[in-house]
Amino acid sequence: MNAGVRAVVQRVREARVTVDGEVVGAIGRGLCVLLGVAASDSPAEADLLGRKVAGLRVFDDDDGQMNRGLDDVGGALLVVSQFTLHADCRRGRRPAFVAAAPADRAQALYDRFVAAVRAGGAPVETGRFQAHMLLSLVNDGPVTILLDTAELRAA
């Protein structure tokens, strides 16, 4: 199966990303998104996943049901690039990353995804592309959702 743009989306109480001791992105209530881009991905897939994430209704309503979105709860997004989401661990013990997009292509599609989620209206913070980042978060629920455009296209 061909991989698509992949995202691990976590509902958080708070999240922040630090590079060399400096906080480069931080949010309160919202979604922390780890984003991995494959070599075969397209701008249309980044747009599709961005719209999907921006519109997720994963926050509880008054009845405890996941019926509210970011705009309903005043939430924000923290988007962090994560090429390791395309790790291939089928052979041996060391992951291979041949499916991950090269850095220049990955950054262009990462930026495209960020633009798509920003178009949804919620505030968006980011990590620093290709940096060694420390990510801290408080997962709320816990709620963690895996999304892949290869599966979204097939649905």
N, C-alpha and C. Protein backbone atom coordinates (compact mmCIF):
# COMPACT_ATOMS: atom_id res chain seq x y z
N MET A 1 0.84 -1.19 0.00
CA MET A 1 0.00 0.00 0.00
C MET A 1 0.87 1.24 0.00
N ASN A 2 0.56 2.20 -0.85
CA ASN A 2 1.28 3.45 -0.87
C ASN A 2 0.89 4.28 0.34
N ALA A 3 1.87 4.83 1.00
CA ALA A 3 1.61 5.69 2.15
C ALA A 3 1.21 7.07 1.67
N GLY A 4 0.47 7.75 2.51
CA GLY A 4 0.12 9.13 2.24
C GLY A 4 0.73 10.01 3.29
N VAL A 5 0.29 11.27 3.30
CA VAL A 5 0.69 12.15 4.38
C VAL A 5 0.11 11.55 5.65
N ARG A 6 0.93 11.40 6.67
CA ARG A 6 0.49 10.77 7.92
C ARG A 6 0.49 11.79 9.04
N ALA A 7 -0.50 11.64 9.92
CA ALA A 7 -0.58 12.51 11.09
C ALA A 7 -0.98 11.70 12.30
N VAL A 8 -0.31 11.96 13.40
CA VAL A 8 -0.73 11.49 14.71
C VAL A 8 -1.29 12.73 15.39
N VAL A 9 -2.58 12.70 15.67
CA VAL A 9 -3.28 13.86 16.23
C VAL A 9 -3.65 13.54 17.67
N GLN A 10 -3.19 14.37 18.58
CA GLN A 10 -3.48 14.16 19.99
C GLN A 10 -4.24 15.36 20.55
N ARG A 11 -5.34 15.07 21.22
CA ARG A 11 -6.08 16.13 21.92
C ARG A 11 -5.29 16.45 23.18
N VAL A 12 -4.96 17.72 23.38
CA VAL A 12 -4.09 18.09 24.48
C VAL A 12 -4.68 19.20 25.35
N ARG A 13 -4.25 19.21 26.58
CA ARG A 13 -4.52 20.34 27.49
C ARG A 13 -3.51 21.44 27.23
N GLU A 14 -2.29 21.01 26.90
CA GLU A 14 -1.21 21.94 26.57
C GLU A 14 -0.12 21.16 25.85
N ALA A 15 0.66 21.89 25.06
CA ALA A 15 1.79 21.28 24.35
C ALA A 15 2.79 22.37 23.99
N ARG A 16 4.06 21.99 23.99
CA ARG A 16 5.09 22.94 23.58
C ARG A 16 6.25 22.18 22.95
N VAL A 17 6.94 22.86 22.07
CA VAL A 17 8.12 22.29 21.43
C VAL A 17 9.28 23.25 21.67
N THR A 18 10.41 22.64 22.04
CA THR A 18 11.60 23.40 22.40
C THR A 18 12.75 22.99 21.50
N VAL A 19 13.53 23.98 21.05
CA VAL A 19 14.73 23.74 20.26
C VAL A 19 15.88 24.49 20.94
N ASP A 20 16.92 23.78 21.29
CA ASP A 20 18.10 24.37 21.95
C ASP A 20 17.71 25.24 23.14
N GLY A 21 16.77 24.75 23.95
CA GLY A 21 16.37 25.46 25.15
C GLY A 21 15.37 26.58 24.95
N GLU A 22 14.99 26.85 23.71
CA GLU A 22 14.04 27.92 23.39
C GLU A 22 12.70 27.32 22.98
N VAL A 23 11.62 27.79 23.61
CA VAL A 23 10.28 27.36 23.21
C VAL A 23 9.96 28.04 21.88
N VAL A 24 9.75 27.23 20.83
CA VAL A 24 9.48 27.77 19.50
C VAL A 24 8.00 27.69 19.13
N GLY A 25 7.24 26.91 19.88
CA GLY A 25 5.80 26.80 19.65
C GLY A 25 5.13 26.26 20.89
N ALA A 26 4.00 26.85 21.27
CA ALA A 26 3.28 26.38 22.46
C ALA A 26 1.81 26.71 22.32
N ILE A 27 0.97 25.79 22.82
CA ILE A 27 -0.48 26.00 22.83
C ILE A 27 -1.04 25.55 24.17
N GLY A 28 -2.23 26.01 24.45
CA GLY A 28 -3.02 25.47 25.55
C GLY A 28 -3.88 24.36 24.99
N ARG A 29 -5.17 24.43 25.27
CA ARG A 29 -6.11 23.40 24.80
C ARG A 29 -6.13 23.35 23.28
N GLY A 30 -6.09 22.13 22.75
CA GLY A 30 -6.14 22.00 21.30
C GLY A 30 -5.66 20.66 20.83
N LEU A 31 -4.98 20.68 19.67
CA LEU A 31 -4.50 19.47 19.04
C LEU A 31 -3.01 19.59 18.76
N CYS A 32 -2.26 18.55 19.13
CA CYS A 32 -0.86 18.44 18.76
C CYS A 32 -0.81 17.47 17.59
N VAL A 33 -0.21 17.91 16.49
CA VAL A 33 -0.17 17.11 15.27
C VAL A 33 1.27 16.81 14.90
N LEU A 34 1.60 15.51 14.88
CA LEU A 34 2.89 15.06 14.37
C LEU A 34 2.66 14.70 12.91
N LEU A 35 3.40 15.30 12.00
CA LEU A 35 3.13 15.18 10.57
C LEU A 35 4.31 14.57 9.83
N GLY A 36 4.05 13.49 9.10
CA GLY A 36 5.06 12.84 8.28
C GLY A 36 4.66 12.85 6.82
N VAL A 37 5.59 13.23 5.96
CA VAL A 37 5.33 13.33 4.52
C VAL A 37 6.13 12.26 3.79
N ALA A 38 5.45 11.52 2.91
CA ALA A 38 6.11 10.49 2.10
C ALA A 38 6.60 11.08 0.79
N ALA A 39 7.56 10.40 0.19
CA ALA A 39 8.13 10.86 -1.08
C ALA A 39 7.08 10.96 -2.17
N SER A 40 6.04 10.13 -2.11
CA SER A 40 5.03 10.10 -3.16
C SER A 40 3.87 11.07 -2.92
N ASP A 41 3.90 11.85 -1.85
CA ASP A 41 2.78 12.73 -1.50
C ASP A 41 2.71 13.95 -2.40
N SER A 42 1.49 14.50 -2.48
CA SER A 42 1.23 15.65 -3.35
C SER A 42 0.67 16.82 -2.53
N PRO A 43 0.69 18.02 -3.11
CA PRO A 43 0.07 19.16 -2.44
C PRO A 43 -1.42 18.92 -2.14
N ALA A 44 -2.11 18.22 -3.02
CA ALA A 44 -3.54 17.95 -2.79
C ALA A 44 -3.73 17.11 -1.52
N GLU A 45 -2.80 16.18 -1.26
CA GLU A 45 -2.90 15.37 -0.05
C GLU A 45 -2.65 16.20 1.21
N ALA A 46 -1.70 17.12 1.14
CA ALA A 46 -1.45 18.00 2.29
C ALA A 46 -2.68 18.85 2.56
N ASP A 47 -3.32 19.35 1.51
CA ASP A 47 -4.55 20.14 1.67
C ASP A 47 -5.67 19.30 2.26
N LEU A 48 -5.85 18.08 1.75
CA LEU A 48 -6.90 17.18 2.23
C LEU A 48 -6.73 16.90 3.72
N LEU A 49 -5.53 16.54 4.12
CA LEU A 49 -5.30 16.23 5.52
C LEU A 49 -5.42 17.47 6.40
N GLY A 50 -4.97 18.60 5.90
CA GLY A 50 -5.11 19.84 6.66
C GLY A 50 -6.57 20.18 6.93
N ARG A 51 -7.40 20.04 5.92
CA ARG A 51 -8.84 20.30 6.11
C ARG A 51 -9.45 19.30 7.08
N LYS A 52 -9.04 18.05 6.97
CA LYS A 52 -9.57 17.01 7.85
C LYS A 52 -9.21 17.29 9.31
N VAL A 53 -7.97 17.60 9.56
CA VAL A 53 -7.52 17.88 10.93
C VAL A 53 -8.20 19.14 11.48
N ALA A 54 -8.25 20.19 10.68
CA ALA A 54 -8.86 21.45 11.15
C ALA A 54 -10.33 21.26 11.50
N GLY A 55 -10.99 20.31 10.85
CA GLY A 55 -12.41 20.10 11.09
C GLY A 55 -12.76 18.98 12.06
N LEU A 56 -11.75 18.33 12.64
CA LEU A 56 -12.05 17.22 13.55
C LEU A 56 -12.89 17.68 14.73
N ARG A 57 -13.89 16.89 15.05
CA ARG A 57 -14.73 17.15 16.23
C ARG A 57 -14.37 16.11 17.28
N VAL A 58 -13.38 16.44 18.10
CA VAL A 58 -12.88 15.50 19.09
C VAL A 58 -12.93 16.05 20.52
N PHE A 59 -13.66 17.16 20.69
CA PHE A 59 -13.81 17.75 22.01
C PHE A 59 -15.22 17.48 22.51
N ASP A 60 -15.32 17.18 23.79
CA ASP A 60 -16.60 16.78 24.38
C ASP A 60 -17.61 17.92 24.43
N ASP A 61 -18.87 17.56 24.15
CA ASP A 61 -19.98 18.50 24.35
C ASP A 61 -20.49 18.34 25.78
N ASP A 62 -21.61 18.97 26.09
CA ASP A 62 -22.15 18.91 27.45
C ASP A 62 -22.58 17.51 27.87
N ASP A 63 -22.79 16.63 26.89
CA ASP A 63 -23.20 15.26 27.18
C ASP A 63 -22.01 14.29 27.19
N GLY A 64 -20.79 14.82 27.06
CA GLY A 64 -19.60 13.97 27.06
C GLY A 64 -19.33 13.29 25.74
N GLN A 65 -20.00 13.73 24.66
CA GLN A 65 -19.78 13.16 23.33
C GLN A 65 -18.80 14.03 22.54
N MET A 66 -17.99 13.41 21.71
CA MET A 66 -17.05 14.16 20.86
C MET A 66 -17.81 14.82 19.72
N ASN A 67 -18.30 16.01 19.97
CA ASN A 67 -19.08 16.73 18.97
C ASN A 67 -18.58 18.15 18.71
N ARG A 68 -17.52 18.56 19.40
CA ARG A 68 -17.04 19.93 19.25
C ARG A 68 -15.68 19.95 18.55
N GLY A 69 -15.51 21.00 17.76
CA GLY A 69 -14.25 21.19 17.06
C GLY A 69 -13.41 22.26 17.72
N LEU A 70 -12.27 22.54 17.13
CA LEU A 70 -11.37 23.56 17.66
C LEU A 70 -12.05 24.91 17.83
N ASP A 71 -12.82 25.31 16.83
CA ASP A 71 -13.48 26.62 16.90
C ASP A 71 -14.50 26.67 18.02
N ASP A 72 -15.13 25.56 18.34
CA ASP A 72 -16.14 25.52 19.41
C ASP A 72 -15.52 25.68 20.79
N VAL A 73 -14.27 25.26 20.95
CA VAL A 73 -13.64 25.28 22.27
C VAL A 73 -12.53 26.32 22.38
N GLY A 74 -12.34 27.11 21.34
CA GLY A 74 -11.27 28.10 21.36
C GLY A 74 -9.89 27.47 21.37
N GLY A 75 -9.76 26.33 20.68
CA GLY A 75 -8.52 25.57 20.68
C GLY A 75 -7.53 26.03 19.62
N ALA A 76 -6.32 25.52 19.74
CA ALA A 76 -5.23 25.83 18.81
C ALA A 76 -4.58 24.53 18.36
N LEU A 77 -3.68 24.65 17.41
CA LEU A 77 -2.92 23.50 16.92
C LEU A 77 -1.43 23.74 17.08
N LEU A 78 -0.71 22.68 17.42
CA LEU A 78 0.75 22.68 17.39
C LEU A 78 1.14 21.62 16.39
N VAL A 79 1.78 22.01 15.30
CA VAL A 79 2.14 21.09 14.23
C VAL A 79 3.66 20.89 14.23
N VAL A 80 4.07 19.63 14.32
CA VAL A 80 5.49 19.28 14.41
C VAL A 80 5.82 18.28 13.31
N SER A 81 6.85 18.58 12.52
CA SER A 81 7.26 17.65 11.47
C SER A 81 7.86 16.40 12.11
N GLN A 82 7.56 15.23 11.51
CA GLN A 82 8.04 13.97 12.08
C GLN A 82 8.22 12.95 10.97
N PHE A 83 9.37 13.00 10.30
CA PHE A 83 9.62 12.08 9.19
C PHE A 83 9.61 10.62 9.65
N THR A 84 9.83 10.37 10.94
CA THR A 84 9.88 9.00 11.43
C THR A 84 8.53 8.29 11.38
N LEU A 85 7.47 9.02 11.08
CA LEU A 85 6.17 8.36 10.89
C LEU A 85 6.19 7.46 9.66
N HIS A 86 7.19 7.63 8.81
CA HIS A 86 7.33 6.78 7.63
C HIS A 86 8.45 5.76 7.80
N ALA A 87 8.77 5.42 9.04
CA ALA A 87 9.80 4.41 9.30
C ALA A 87 9.30 3.04 8.84
N ASP A 88 10.20 2.29 8.24
CA ASP A 88 9.91 0.92 7.83
C ASP A 88 10.72 0.01 8.74
N CYS A 89 10.03 -0.73 9.58
CA CYS A 89 10.68 -1.61 10.57
C CYS A 89 10.46 -3.07 10.25
N ARG A 90 10.14 -3.38 9.00
CA ARG A 90 9.84 -4.77 8.65
C ARG A 90 11.08 -5.65 8.68
N ARG A 91 12.24 -5.09 8.43
CA ARG A 91 13.47 -5.89 8.41
C ARG A 91 14.43 -5.37 9.47
N GLY A 92 15.01 -6.28 10.17
CA GLY A 92 16.02 -5.92 11.15
C GLY A 92 15.44 -5.11 12.30
N ARG A 93 16.33 -4.44 13.01
CA ARG A 93 15.91 -3.68 14.18
C ARG A 93 16.11 -2.19 14.01
N ARG A 94 16.77 -1.78 12.95
CA ARG A 94 16.97 -0.36 12.71
C ARG A 94 16.00 0.09 11.63
N PRO A 95 15.22 1.13 11.89
CA PRO A 95 14.24 1.58 10.90
C PRO A 95 14.90 2.15 9.65
N ALA A 96 14.23 1.96 8.54
CA ALA A 96 14.63 2.58 7.27
C ALA A 96 13.63 3.69 6.98
N PHE A 97 14.11 4.75 6.35
CA PHE A 97 13.25 5.91 6.10
C PHE A 97 13.16 6.23 4.60
N VAL A 98 13.27 5.22 3.77
CA VAL A 98 13.29 5.43 2.32
C VAL A 98 11.95 5.96 1.80
N ALA A 99 10.85 5.71 2.51
CA ALA A 99 9.55 6.20 2.05
C ALA A 99 9.34 7.68 2.38
N ALA A 100 10.11 8.21 3.33
CA ALA A 100 9.95 9.61 3.72
C ALA A 100 10.42 10.52 2.60
N ALA A 101 9.74 11.64 2.45
CA ALA A 101 10.11 12.61 1.41
C ALA A 101 11.45 13.26 1.73
N PRO A 102 12.21 13.61 0.69
CA PRO A 102 13.43 14.38 0.92
C PRO A 102 13.07 15.72 1.59
N ALA A 103 14.02 16.28 2.31
CA ALA A 103 13.75 17.45 3.17
C ALA A 103 13.08 18.61 2.43
N ASP A 104 13.57 18.97 1.24
CA ASP A 104 12.99 20.13 0.56
C ASP A 104 11.53 19.89 0.16
N ARG A 105 11.24 18.72 -0.33
CA ARG A 105 9.85 18.37 -0.70
C ARG A 105 8.98 18.25 0.55
N ALA A 106 9.52 17.62 1.59
CA ALA A 106 8.76 17.46 2.83
C ALA A 106 8.42 18.82 3.43
N GLN A 107 9.38 19.74 3.43
CA GLN A 107 9.10 21.05 4.01
C GLN A 107 8.03 21.80 3.22
N ALA A 108 8.05 21.69 1.91
CA ALA A 108 7.03 22.36 1.10
C ALA A 108 5.64 21.81 1.43
N LEU A 109 5.51 20.50 1.58
CA LEU A 109 4.21 19.91 1.88
C LEU A 109 3.82 20.13 3.34
N TYR A 110 4.79 20.16 4.24
CA TYR A 110 4.53 20.51 5.64
C TYR A 110 3.97 21.94 5.70
N ASP A 111 4.62 22.87 4.99
CA ASP A 111 4.15 24.25 4.96
C ASP A 111 2.74 24.33 4.35
N ARG A 112 2.49 23.53 3.35
CA ARG A 112 1.17 23.50 2.72
C ARG A 112 0.12 23.00 3.71
N PHE A 113 0.44 21.96 4.47
CA PHE A 113 -0.47 21.45 5.51
C PHE A 113 -0.74 22.54 6.54
N VAL A 114 0.30 23.21 7.01
CA VAL A 114 0.13 24.29 8.00
C VAL A 114 -0.79 25.37 7.45
N ALA A 115 -0.62 25.75 6.20
CA ALA A 115 -1.50 26.75 5.59
C ALA A 115 -2.95 26.26 5.55
N ALA A 116 -3.14 24.97 5.27
CA ALA A 116 -4.49 24.42 5.20
C ALA A 116 -5.16 24.43 6.57
N VAL A 117 -4.43 24.09 7.64
CA VAL A 117 -5.06 24.12 8.96
C VAL A 117 -5.28 25.56 9.42
N ARG A 118 -4.39 26.47 9.05
CA ARG A 118 -4.60 27.89 9.38
C ARG A 118 -5.86 28.42 8.70
N ALA A 119 -6.13 27.95 7.50
CA ALA A 119 -7.33 28.38 6.77
C ALA A 119 -8.59 27.98 7.52
N GLY A 120 -8.50 26.97 8.39
CA GLY A 120 -9.63 26.55 9.21
C GLY A 120 -9.96 27.54 10.31
N GLY A 121 -9.09 28.50 10.55
CA GLY A 121 -9.38 29.59 11.48
C GLY A 121 -8.77 29.48 12.86
N ALA A 122 -8.28 28.32 13.25
CA ALA A 122 -7.70 28.17 14.59
C ALA A 122 -6.26 28.69 14.60
N PRO A 123 -5.80 29.18 15.74
CA PRO A 123 -4.39 29.57 15.84
C PRO A 123 -3.49 28.35 15.65
N VAL A 124 -2.37 28.53 14.98
CA VAL A 124 -1.45 27.43 14.70
C VAL A 124 -0.03 27.83 15.10
N GLU A 125 0.59 26.98 15.89
CA GLU A 125 2.00 27.10 16.24
C GLU A 125 2.71 25.93 15.57
N THR A 126 4.03 26.06 15.38
CA THR A 126 4.78 24.99 14.74
C THR A 126 6.09 24.74 15.47
N GLY A 127 6.66 23.59 15.15
CA GLY A 127 8.02 23.31 15.57
C GLY A 127 8.97 23.96 14.58
N ARG A 128 10.20 23.52 14.55
CA ARG A 128 11.19 24.04 13.61
C ARG A 128 11.61 22.89 12.72
N PHE A 129 11.33 23.00 11.45
CA PHE A 129 11.58 21.92 10.51
C PHE A 129 13.06 21.52 10.54
N GLN A 130 13.32 20.22 10.57
CA GLN A 130 14.64 19.58 10.56
C GLN A 130 15.47 19.83 11.82
N ALA A 131 14.89 20.44 12.84
CA ALA A 131 15.63 20.65 14.08
C ALA A 131 15.42 19.45 15.01
N HIS A 132 16.35 19.27 15.93
CA HIS A 132 16.14 18.30 17.00
C HIS A 132 15.25 18.99 18.02
N MET A 133 14.03 18.48 18.19
CA MET A 133 13.03 19.14 19.03
C MET A 133 12.69 18.30 20.24
N LEU A 134 12.38 18.97 21.33
CA LEU A 134 11.83 18.33 22.51
C LEU A 134 10.37 18.71 22.58
N LEU A 135 9.51 17.71 22.58
CA LEU A 135 8.07 17.94 22.59
C LEU A 135 7.50 17.52 23.94
N SER A 136 6.79 18.44 24.57
CA SER A 136 6.13 18.15 25.84
C SER A 136 4.64 18.40 25.65
N LEU A 137 3.84 17.46 26.16
CA LEU A 137 2.40 17.65 26.03
C LEU A 137 1.67 16.92 27.13
N VAL A 138 0.46 17.37 27.38
CA VAL A 138 -0.45 16.69 28.29
C VAL A 138 -1.62 16.23 27.43
N ASN A 139 -1.65 14.92 27.13
CA ASN A 139 -2.71 14.35 26.30
C ASN A 139 -3.99 14.32 27.12
N ASP A 140 -5.07 14.83 26.55
CA ASP A 140 -6.35 14.96 27.24
C ASP A 140 -7.27 13.82 26.84
N GLY A 141 -7.48 12.89 27.73
CA GLY A 141 -8.40 11.77 27.47
C GLY A 141 -7.87 10.45 27.98
N PRO A 142 -6.85 9.89 27.44
CA PRO A 142 -6.11 10.33 26.25
C PRO A 142 -6.90 10.11 24.96
N VAL A 143 -6.72 11.04 24.05
CA VAL A 143 -7.31 10.92 22.72
C VAL A 143 -6.17 11.05 21.72
N THR A 144 -5.95 10.00 20.94
CA THR A 144 -4.91 9.98 19.91
C THR A 144 -5.51 9.34 18.67
N ILE A 145 -5.40 10.03 17.54
CA ILE A 145 -6.00 9.58 16.29
C ILE A 145 -4.92 9.51 15.21
N LEU A 146 -4.88 8.41 14.47
CA LEU A 146 -3.95 8.25 13.37
C LEU A 146 -4.69 8.52 12.06
N LEU A 147 -4.12 9.38 11.24
CA LEU A 147 -4.70 9.68 9.94
C LEU A 147 -3.65 9.49 8.85
N ASP A 148 -4.07 8.97 7.70
CA ASP A 148 -3.18 8.78 6.56
C ASP A 148 -4.01 9.07 5.32
N THR A 149 -3.53 9.94 4.46
CA THR A 149 -4.31 10.29 3.28
C THR A 149 -4.53 9.10 2.36
N ALA A 150 -3.65 8.09 2.41
CA ALA A 150 -3.89 6.89 1.61
C ALA A 150 -5.20 6.23 2.02
N GLU A 151 -5.51 6.24 3.31
CA GLU A 151 -6.76 5.68 3.79
C GLU A 151 -7.93 6.62 3.54
N LEU A 152 -7.71 7.92 3.64
CA LEU A 152 -8.79 8.87 3.39
C LEU A 152 -9.22 8.82 1.93
N ARG A 153 -8.27 8.66 1.01
CA ARG A 153 -8.61 8.57 -0.41
C ARG A 153 -9.42 7.31 -0.69
N ALA A 154 -9.13 6.23 0.04
CA ALA A 154 -9.79 4.95 -0.20
C ALA A 154 -11.20 4.91 0.38
N ALA A 155 -11.51 5.82 1.29
CA ALA A 155 -12.82 5.80 1.97
C ALA A 155 -13.93 6.33 1.08
